[in-house]
Amino acid sequence: MISGTSAGFARRLAALLYDSLLLAALLTIYTAAWVFARHGALTEQSAGAWWYAYRAGELVLIGGYYVLNWMRSGQTLGMRAWRLRVVSDSGRALDLASALLRFVCGLLAWAPAALGVLWLYVDSEHLALHDRLSKTRMLRLTGS
């Protein structure tokens, strides 16, 4: 069982920014592979229907990064740096369904100006909207 307090907005945002640096590098490599395979520029006009496959691949890459890390250790690289961990309501590691649900709800929570994440300031347990909807918690780890 993991102990800790509910993570605040600033730590969540900082972890997200750390993760975005790693994801930017991964997406650059992914895009370079697509450009190399197509022997030229990758634009919506030039790629046609393949553009949608490319965009779907980006989403799978980003989602896979979060889902696999949450299932394996409960932490992404950014979360490790800021001593955060995602657990289920019972304090256990996430299964595939919980991690996928958290990712999808997280997209919705962060998208409209982070309003779903800022919800943690009005929630009685200091949970963001995607925490509540996916029955998970992001904890700020205490101790050493």
N, C-alpha and C. Protein backbone atom coordinates (compact mmCIF):
# COMPACT_ATOMS: atom_id res chain seq x y z
N MET A 1 0.85 -1.18 0.00
CA MET A 1 0.00 0.00 0.00
C MET A 1 0.90 1.25 0.00
N ILE A 2 0.55 2.22 -0.79
CA ILE A 2 1.31 3.46 -0.94
C ILE A 2 0.69 4.53 -0.05
N SER A 3 1.56 5.30 0.64
CA SER A 3 1.03 6.38 1.45
C SER A 3 1.41 7.71 0.84
N GLY A 4 0.55 8.68 1.04
CA GLY A 4 0.80 10.00 0.52
C GLY A 4 -0.46 10.83 0.58
N THR A 5 -0.32 12.10 0.22
CA THR A 5 -1.45 13.00 0.18
C THR A 5 -1.81 13.29 -1.27
N SER A 6 -3.00 13.78 -1.50
CA SER A 6 -3.44 14.09 -2.84
C SER A 6 -2.53 15.17 -3.45
N ALA A 7 -2.10 14.94 -4.68
CA ALA A 7 -1.19 15.87 -5.35
C ALA A 7 -1.92 17.14 -5.77
N GLY A 8 -1.25 18.26 -5.62
CA GLY A 8 -1.82 19.54 -6.01
C GLY A 8 -1.61 19.83 -7.49
N PHE A 9 -2.19 20.92 -7.93
CA PHE A 9 -2.16 21.29 -9.35
C PHE A 9 -0.73 21.57 -9.83
N ALA A 10 0.07 22.30 -9.06
CA ALA A 10 1.40 22.70 -9.50
C ALA A 10 2.29 21.48 -9.76
N ARG A 11 2.26 20.50 -8.88
CA ARG A 11 3.06 19.28 -9.07
C ARG A 11 2.57 18.48 -10.28
N ARG A 12 1.27 18.40 -10.44
CA ARG A 12 0.73 17.68 -11.59
C ARG A 12 1.17 18.35 -12.89
N LEU A 13 1.10 19.68 -12.93
CA LEU A 13 1.50 20.42 -14.12
C LEU A 13 3.00 20.26 -14.37
N ALA A 14 3.81 20.32 -13.32
CA ALA A 14 5.26 20.16 -13.47
C ALA A 14 5.60 18.78 -14.03
N ALA A 15 4.95 17.75 -13.53
CA ALA A 15 5.18 16.39 -14.03
C ALA A 15 4.76 16.28 -15.49
N LEU A 16 3.64 16.91 -15.84
CA LEU A 16 3.17 16.90 -17.22
C LEU A 16 4.18 17.59 -18.14
N LEU A 17 4.76 18.69 -17.69
CA LEU A 17 5.77 19.40 -18.49
C LEU A 17 7.02 18.55 -18.68
N TYR A 18 7.48 17.86 -17.63
CA TYR A 18 8.63 16.95 -17.76
C TYR A 18 8.31 15.87 -18.78
N ASP A 19 7.13 15.27 -18.64
CA ASP A 19 6.74 14.21 -19.57
C ASP A 19 6.63 14.72 -21.00
N SER A 20 6.21 15.96 -21.16
CA SER A 20 6.05 16.51 -22.52
C SER A 20 7.40 16.62 -23.23
N LEU A 21 8.49 16.82 -22.49
CA LEU A 21 9.81 16.87 -23.11
C LEU A 21 10.19 15.50 -23.67
N LEU A 22 9.97 14.46 -22.90
CA LEU A 22 10.25 13.11 -23.36
C LEU A 22 9.34 12.75 -24.53
N LEU A 23 8.07 13.07 -24.41
CA LEU A 23 7.12 12.76 -25.48
C LEU A 23 7.46 13.53 -26.76
N ALA A 24 7.94 14.75 -26.64
CA ALA A 24 8.33 15.52 -27.82
C ALA A 24 9.46 14.80 -28.57
N ALA A 25 10.41 14.27 -27.83
CA ALA A 25 11.50 13.51 -28.46
C ALA A 25 10.97 12.25 -29.13
N LEU A 26 10.09 11.52 -28.46
CA LEU A 26 9.52 10.30 -29.04
C LEU A 26 8.70 10.61 -30.29
N LEU A 27 7.93 11.69 -30.23
CA LEU A 27 7.10 12.06 -31.38
C LEU A 27 7.95 12.56 -32.55
N THR A 28 9.08 13.16 -32.25
CA THR A 28 10.00 13.58 -33.31
C THR A 28 10.56 12.37 -34.05
N ILE A 29 10.95 11.35 -33.30
CA ILE A 29 11.46 10.12 -33.91
C ILE A 29 10.35 9.44 -34.72
N TYR A 30 9.16 9.39 -34.15
CA TYR A 30 8.01 8.80 -34.83
C TYR A 30 7.72 9.53 -36.15
N THR A 31 7.72 10.86 -36.11
CA THR A 31 7.46 11.65 -37.31
C THR A 31 8.56 11.46 -38.35
N ALA A 32 9.81 11.42 -37.88
CA ALA A 32 10.93 11.21 -38.80
C ALA A 32 10.79 9.87 -39.51
N ALA A 33 10.35 8.85 -38.80
CA ALA A 33 10.14 7.53 -39.41
C ALA A 33 9.06 7.60 -40.49
N TRP A 34 7.98 8.32 -40.22
CA TRP A 34 6.91 8.48 -41.22
C TRP A 34 7.42 9.24 -42.44
N VAL A 35 8.16 10.31 -42.22
CA VAL A 35 8.69 11.11 -43.34
C VAL A 35 9.65 10.27 -44.17
N PHE A 36 10.49 9.51 -43.49
CA PHE A 36 11.44 8.63 -44.19
C PHE A 36 10.70 7.58 -45.01
N ALA A 37 9.67 6.98 -44.43
CA ALA A 37 8.90 5.94 -45.13
C ALA A 37 8.15 6.51 -46.33
N ARG A 38 7.71 7.76 -46.23
CA ARG A 38 6.94 8.38 -47.32
C ARG A 38 7.85 9.06 -48.34
N HIS A 39 9.14 9.18 -48.04
CA HIS A 39 10.10 9.83 -48.93
C HIS A 39 9.73 11.29 -49.18
N GLY A 40 9.26 11.97 -48.16
CA GLY A 40 8.94 13.38 -48.35
C GLY A 40 8.12 13.93 -47.21
N ALA A 41 7.67 15.15 -47.41
CA ALA A 41 6.93 15.87 -46.38
C ALA A 41 5.65 15.13 -45.99
N LEU A 42 5.26 15.33 -44.75
CA LEU A 42 4.05 14.70 -44.23
C LEU A 42 3.06 15.80 -43.87
N THR A 43 2.14 16.06 -44.77
CA THR A 43 1.10 17.05 -44.52
C THR A 43 -0.25 16.39 -44.79
N GLU A 44 -1.29 17.02 -44.33
CA GLU A 44 -2.62 16.47 -44.54
C GLU A 44 -2.94 16.36 -46.03
N GLN A 45 -2.50 17.34 -46.80
CA GLN A 45 -2.77 17.34 -48.24
C GLN A 45 -1.96 16.26 -48.96
N SER A 46 -0.69 16.11 -48.60
CA SER A 46 0.17 15.17 -49.31
C SER A 46 -0.04 13.71 -48.89
N ALA A 47 -0.47 13.50 -47.66
CA ALA A 47 -0.60 12.13 -47.14
C ALA A 47 -1.97 11.52 -47.37
N GLY A 48 -2.97 12.35 -47.60
CA GLY A 48 -4.32 11.83 -47.81
C GLY A 48 -4.83 11.08 -46.60
N ALA A 49 -5.34 9.88 -46.83
CA ALA A 49 -5.90 9.07 -45.73
C ALA A 49 -4.84 8.63 -44.74
N TRP A 50 -3.58 8.53 -45.18
CA TRP A 50 -2.50 8.15 -44.27
C TRP A 50 -2.30 9.18 -43.16
N TRP A 51 -2.73 10.39 -43.39
CA TRP A 51 -2.62 11.44 -42.37
C TRP A 51 -3.35 11.02 -41.09
N TYR A 52 -4.50 10.40 -41.26
CA TYR A 52 -5.29 9.98 -40.10
C TYR A 52 -4.63 8.81 -39.37
N ALA A 53 -3.97 7.95 -40.12
CA ALA A 53 -3.22 6.85 -39.49
C ALA A 53 -2.04 7.42 -38.69
N TYR A 54 -1.37 8.42 -39.28
CA TYR A 54 -0.26 9.08 -38.59
C TYR A 54 -0.74 9.72 -37.29
N ARG A 55 -1.84 10.46 -37.34
CA ARG A 55 -2.37 11.14 -36.15
C ARG A 55 -2.83 10.13 -35.10
N ALA A 56 -3.46 9.05 -35.54
CA ALA A 56 -3.88 8.00 -34.60
C ALA A 56 -2.65 7.37 -33.94
N GLY A 57 -1.58 7.21 -34.70
CA GLY A 57 -0.34 6.67 -34.14
C GLY A 57 0.24 7.58 -33.06
N GLU A 58 0.14 8.88 -33.27
CA GLU A 58 0.60 9.82 -32.25
C GLU A 58 -0.17 9.62 -30.95
N LEU A 59 -1.47 9.50 -31.06
CA LEU A 59 -2.32 9.30 -29.88
C LEU A 59 -1.99 7.98 -29.19
N VAL A 60 -1.76 6.94 -29.98
CA VAL A 60 -1.40 5.63 -29.40
C VAL A 60 -0.06 5.72 -28.69
N LEU A 61 0.90 6.43 -29.27
CA LEU A 61 2.21 6.59 -28.65
C LEU A 61 2.10 7.33 -27.31
N ILE A 62 1.38 8.43 -27.30
CA ILE A 62 1.21 9.20 -26.06
C ILE A 62 0.43 8.38 -25.03
N GLY A 63 -0.69 7.81 -25.44
CA GLY A 63 -1.48 7.00 -24.53
C GLY A 63 -0.71 5.81 -24.01
N GLY A 64 0.03 5.15 -24.89
CA GLY A 64 0.84 4.00 -24.48
C GLY A 64 1.87 4.37 -23.44
N TYR A 65 2.49 5.52 -23.60
CA TYR A 65 3.49 5.98 -22.62
C TYR A 65 2.86 6.08 -21.23
N TYR A 66 1.73 6.75 -21.14
CA TYR A 66 1.09 6.92 -19.84
C TYR A 66 0.53 5.61 -19.31
N VAL A 67 -0.23 4.91 -20.11
CA VAL A 67 -0.90 3.69 -19.65
C VAL A 67 0.11 2.64 -19.19
N LEU A 68 1.15 2.39 -19.99
CA LEU A 68 2.13 1.38 -19.61
C LEU A 68 2.89 1.76 -18.34
N ASN A 69 3.26 3.03 -18.21
CA ASN A 69 3.96 3.47 -17.01
C ASN A 69 3.07 3.39 -15.77
N TRP A 70 1.82 3.79 -15.92
CA TRP A 70 0.89 3.73 -14.78
C TRP A 70 0.66 2.29 -14.34
N MET A 71 0.56 1.38 -15.29
CA MET A 71 0.34 -0.02 -14.95
C MET A 71 1.59 -0.65 -14.34
N ARG A 72 2.75 -0.31 -14.86
CA ARG A 72 3.99 -0.94 -14.42
C ARG A 72 4.44 -0.46 -13.05
N SER A 73 4.50 0.86 -12.88
CA SER A 73 5.04 1.39 -11.63
C SER A 73 4.17 2.47 -10.99
N GLY A 74 3.14 2.91 -11.71
CA GLY A 74 2.30 3.99 -11.19
C GLY A 74 2.91 5.36 -11.42
N GLN A 75 4.06 5.41 -12.11
CA GLN A 75 4.75 6.68 -12.31
C GLN A 75 5.32 6.79 -13.71
N THR A 76 5.21 7.99 -14.27
CA THR A 76 5.94 8.33 -15.48
C THR A 76 7.25 8.97 -15.05
N LEU A 77 8.10 9.31 -16.00
CA LEU A 77 9.37 9.95 -15.66
C LEU A 77 9.14 11.27 -14.92
N GLY A 78 8.20 12.07 -15.42
CA GLY A 78 7.90 13.35 -14.76
C GLY A 78 7.33 13.16 -13.36
N MET A 79 6.54 12.12 -13.18
CA MET A 79 5.96 11.85 -11.87
C MET A 79 7.04 11.39 -10.89
N ARG A 80 8.03 10.65 -11.36
CA ARG A 80 9.14 10.25 -10.49
C ARG A 80 9.89 11.48 -9.98
N ALA A 81 10.14 12.41 -10.89
CA ALA A 81 10.88 13.62 -10.52
C ALA A 81 10.15 14.44 -9.47
N TRP A 82 8.83 14.44 -9.53
CA TRP A 82 8.04 15.24 -8.59
C TRP A 82 7.40 14.39 -7.49
N ARG A 83 7.87 13.15 -7.35
CA ARG A 83 7.43 12.24 -6.28
C ARG A 83 5.92 12.08 -6.25
N LEU A 84 5.37 11.72 -7.41
CA LEU A 84 3.94 11.47 -7.55
C LEU A 84 3.73 10.03 -7.99
N ARG A 85 2.61 9.47 -7.61
CA ARG A 85 2.26 8.11 -8.05
C ARG A 85 0.76 8.00 -8.19
N VAL A 86 0.33 7.29 -9.23
CA VAL A 86 -1.09 7.03 -9.45
C VAL A 86 -1.41 5.64 -8.92
N VAL A 87 -2.47 5.57 -8.13
CA VAL A 87 -2.94 4.30 -7.59
C VAL A 87 -4.46 4.23 -7.74
N SER A 88 -5.00 3.04 -7.58
CA SER A 88 -6.45 2.89 -7.58
C SER A 88 -6.99 3.41 -6.24
N ASP A 89 -8.31 3.51 -6.14
CA ASP A 89 -8.91 3.96 -4.89
C ASP A 89 -8.51 3.08 -3.71
N SER A 90 -8.22 1.81 -3.99
CA SER A 90 -7.83 0.89 -2.93
C SER A 90 -6.32 0.95 -2.64
N GLY A 91 -5.59 1.77 -3.37
CA GLY A 91 -4.16 1.94 -3.13
C GLY A 91 -3.28 0.98 -3.91
N ARG A 92 -3.84 0.27 -4.85
CA ARG A 92 -3.10 -0.71 -5.63
C ARG A 92 -2.73 -0.16 -7.01
N ALA A 93 -1.88 -0.89 -7.71
CA ALA A 93 -1.47 -0.51 -9.06
C ALA A 93 -2.68 -0.56 -10.00
N LEU A 94 -2.64 0.23 -11.05
CA LEU A 94 -3.75 0.28 -11.99
C LEU A 94 -3.72 -0.92 -12.93
N ASP A 95 -4.91 -1.41 -13.27
CA ASP A 95 -5.02 -2.42 -14.31
C ASP A 95 -5.22 -1.70 -15.64
N LEU A 96 -5.28 -2.45 -16.72
CA LEU A 96 -5.38 -1.85 -18.06
C LEU A 96 -6.62 -0.98 -18.21
N ALA A 97 -7.77 -1.48 -17.76
CA ALA A 97 -9.01 -0.73 -17.92
C ALA A 97 -8.96 0.59 -17.15
N SER A 98 -8.46 0.57 -15.92
CA SER A 98 -8.37 1.80 -15.12
C SER A 98 -7.40 2.80 -15.73
N ALA A 99 -6.27 2.30 -16.22
CA ALA A 99 -5.27 3.19 -16.82
C ALA A 99 -5.80 3.83 -18.10
N LEU A 100 -6.48 3.03 -18.94
CA LEU A 100 -7.07 3.59 -20.16
C LEU A 100 -8.14 4.61 -19.85
N LEU A 101 -9.01 4.30 -18.89
CA LEU A 101 -10.06 5.23 -18.50
C LEU A 101 -9.46 6.52 -17.94
N ARG A 102 -8.42 6.40 -17.14
CA ARG A 102 -7.75 7.58 -16.58
C ARG A 102 -7.15 8.44 -17.70
N PHE A 103 -6.55 7.80 -18.70
CA PHE A 103 -5.96 8.55 -19.81
C PHE A 103 -7.02 9.32 -20.58
N VAL A 104 -8.11 8.65 -20.95
CA VAL A 104 -9.17 9.30 -21.72
C VAL A 104 -9.80 10.43 -20.90
N CYS A 105 -10.10 10.17 -19.65
CA CYS A 105 -10.69 11.22 -18.79
C CYS A 105 -9.69 12.35 -18.56
N GLY A 106 -8.40 12.00 -18.50
CA GLY A 106 -7.36 13.02 -18.33
C GLY A 106 -7.28 13.97 -19.51
N LEU A 107 -7.44 13.42 -20.72
CA LEU A 107 -7.47 14.28 -21.92
C LEU A 107 -8.60 15.30 -21.80
N LEU A 108 -9.75 14.82 -21.36
CA LEU A 108 -10.91 15.71 -21.22
C LEU A 108 -10.72 16.70 -20.07
N ALA A 109 -10.05 16.27 -19.01
CA ALA A 109 -9.85 17.15 -17.85
C ALA A 109 -8.85 18.26 -18.13
N TRP A 110 -7.79 17.96 -18.89
CA TRP A 110 -6.77 18.97 -19.17
C TRP A 110 -7.16 19.88 -20.33
N ALA A 111 -7.96 19.37 -21.27
CA ALA A 111 -8.24 20.10 -22.50
C ALA A 111 -8.88 21.48 -22.30
N PRO A 112 -9.97 21.61 -21.59
CA PRO A 112 -10.57 22.95 -21.50
C PRO A 112 -9.91 23.79 -20.41
N ALA A 113 -8.71 24.28 -20.68
CA ALA A 113 -7.98 25.16 -19.75
C ALA A 113 -7.75 24.50 -18.39
N ALA A 114 -7.57 23.19 -18.38
CA ALA A 114 -7.28 22.42 -17.16
C ALA A 114 -8.38 22.52 -16.11
N LEU A 115 -9.59 22.83 -16.53
CA LEU A 115 -10.68 22.99 -15.57
C LEU A 115 -10.97 21.69 -14.81
N GLY A 116 -10.86 20.55 -15.49
CA GLY A 116 -11.09 19.28 -14.82
C GLY A 116 -10.04 18.96 -13.78
N VAL A 117 -8.83 19.47 -13.97
CA VAL A 117 -7.77 19.26 -12.99
C VAL A 117 -7.91 20.26 -11.84
N LEU A 118 -8.25 21.47 -12.17
CA LEU A 118 -8.46 22.48 -11.13
C LEU A 118 -9.64 22.13 -10.22
N TRP A 119 -10.46 21.19 -10.66
CA TRP A 119 -11.58 20.71 -9.86
C TRP A 119 -11.10 20.22 -8.49
N LEU A 120 -9.83 19.82 -8.38
CA LEU A 120 -9.31 19.30 -7.11
C LEU A 120 -9.39 20.33 -5.98
N TYR A 121 -9.49 21.61 -6.32
CA TYR A 121 -9.59 22.64 -5.28
C TYR A 121 -10.99 22.75 -4.69
N VAL A 122 -12.00 22.21 -5.37
CA VAL A 122 -13.36 22.23 -4.82
C VAL A 122 -13.82 20.85 -4.38
N ASP A 123 -13.07 19.81 -4.72
CA ASP A 123 -13.43 18.45 -4.35
C ASP A 123 -13.09 18.21 -2.87
N SER A 124 -13.97 17.51 -2.19
CA SER A 124 -13.78 17.28 -0.75
C SER A 124 -12.54 16.44 -0.46
N GLU A 125 -12.15 15.55 -1.38
CA GLU A 125 -10.97 14.71 -1.19
C GLU A 125 -9.76 15.21 -1.99
N HIS A 126 -9.89 16.39 -2.58
CA HIS A 126 -8.84 17.00 -3.41
C HIS A 126 -8.48 16.11 -4.60
N LEU A 127 -9.50 15.56 -5.25
CA LEU A 127 -9.31 14.75 -6.45
C LEU A 127 -9.68 15.56 -7.67
N ALA A 128 -8.88 15.42 -8.73
CA ALA A 128 -9.23 16.05 -10.00
C ALA A 128 -10.38 15.25 -10.62
N LEU A 129 -11.02 15.83 -11.62
CA LEU A 129 -12.17 15.19 -12.23
C LEU A 129 -11.82 13.81 -12.80
N HIS A 130 -10.67 13.70 -13.45
CA HIS A 130 -10.30 12.40 -14.02
C HIS A 130 -9.91 11.39 -12.94
N ASP A 131 -9.44 11.86 -11.78
CA ASP A 131 -9.23 10.95 -10.65
C ASP A 131 -10.57 10.36 -10.22
N ARG A 132 -11.52 11.23 -10.06
CA ARG A 132 -12.85 10.82 -9.59
C ARG A 132 -13.51 9.88 -10.59
N LEU A 133 -13.51 10.23 -11.88
CA LEU A 133 -14.18 9.43 -12.89
C LEU A 133 -13.54 8.05 -13.10
N SER A 134 -12.22 7.97 -12.97
CA SER A 134 -11.52 6.70 -13.20
C SER A 134 -11.29 5.91 -11.91
N LYS A 135 -11.76 6.45 -10.79
CA LYS A 135 -11.58 5.80 -9.49
C LYS A 135 -10.10 5.54 -9.19
N THR A 136 -9.29 6.58 -9.46
CA THR A 136 -7.86 6.53 -9.18
C THR A 136 -7.49 7.76 -8.37
N ARG A 137 -6.27 7.77 -7.90
CA ARG A 137 -5.76 8.93 -7.15
C ARG A 137 -4.31 9.19 -7.53
N MET A 138 -3.95 10.47 -7.60
CA MET A 138 -2.55 10.82 -7.78
C MET A 138 -2.05 11.32 -6.44
N LEU A 139 -1.08 10.59 -5.90
CA LEU A 139 -0.56 10.89 -4.57
C LEU A 139 0.79 11.58 -4.64
N ARG A 140 0.99 12.50 -3.73
CA ARG A 140 2.33 13.06 -3.51
C ARG A 140 2.94 12.17 -2.45
N LEU A 141 4.02 11.49 -2.81
CA LEU A 141 4.63 10.52 -1.91
C LEU A 141 5.31 11.21 -0.73
N THR A 142 5.15 10.62 0.42
CA THR A 142 5.77 11.14 1.63
C THR A 142 6.86 10.20 2.07
N GLY A 143 7.76 10.68 2.90
CA GLY A 143 8.86 9.83 3.40
C GLY A 143 9.97 9.73 2.39
N SER A 144 10.91 8.83 2.70
CA SER A 144 12.07 8.70 1.81
C SER A 144 11.98 7.55 0.87
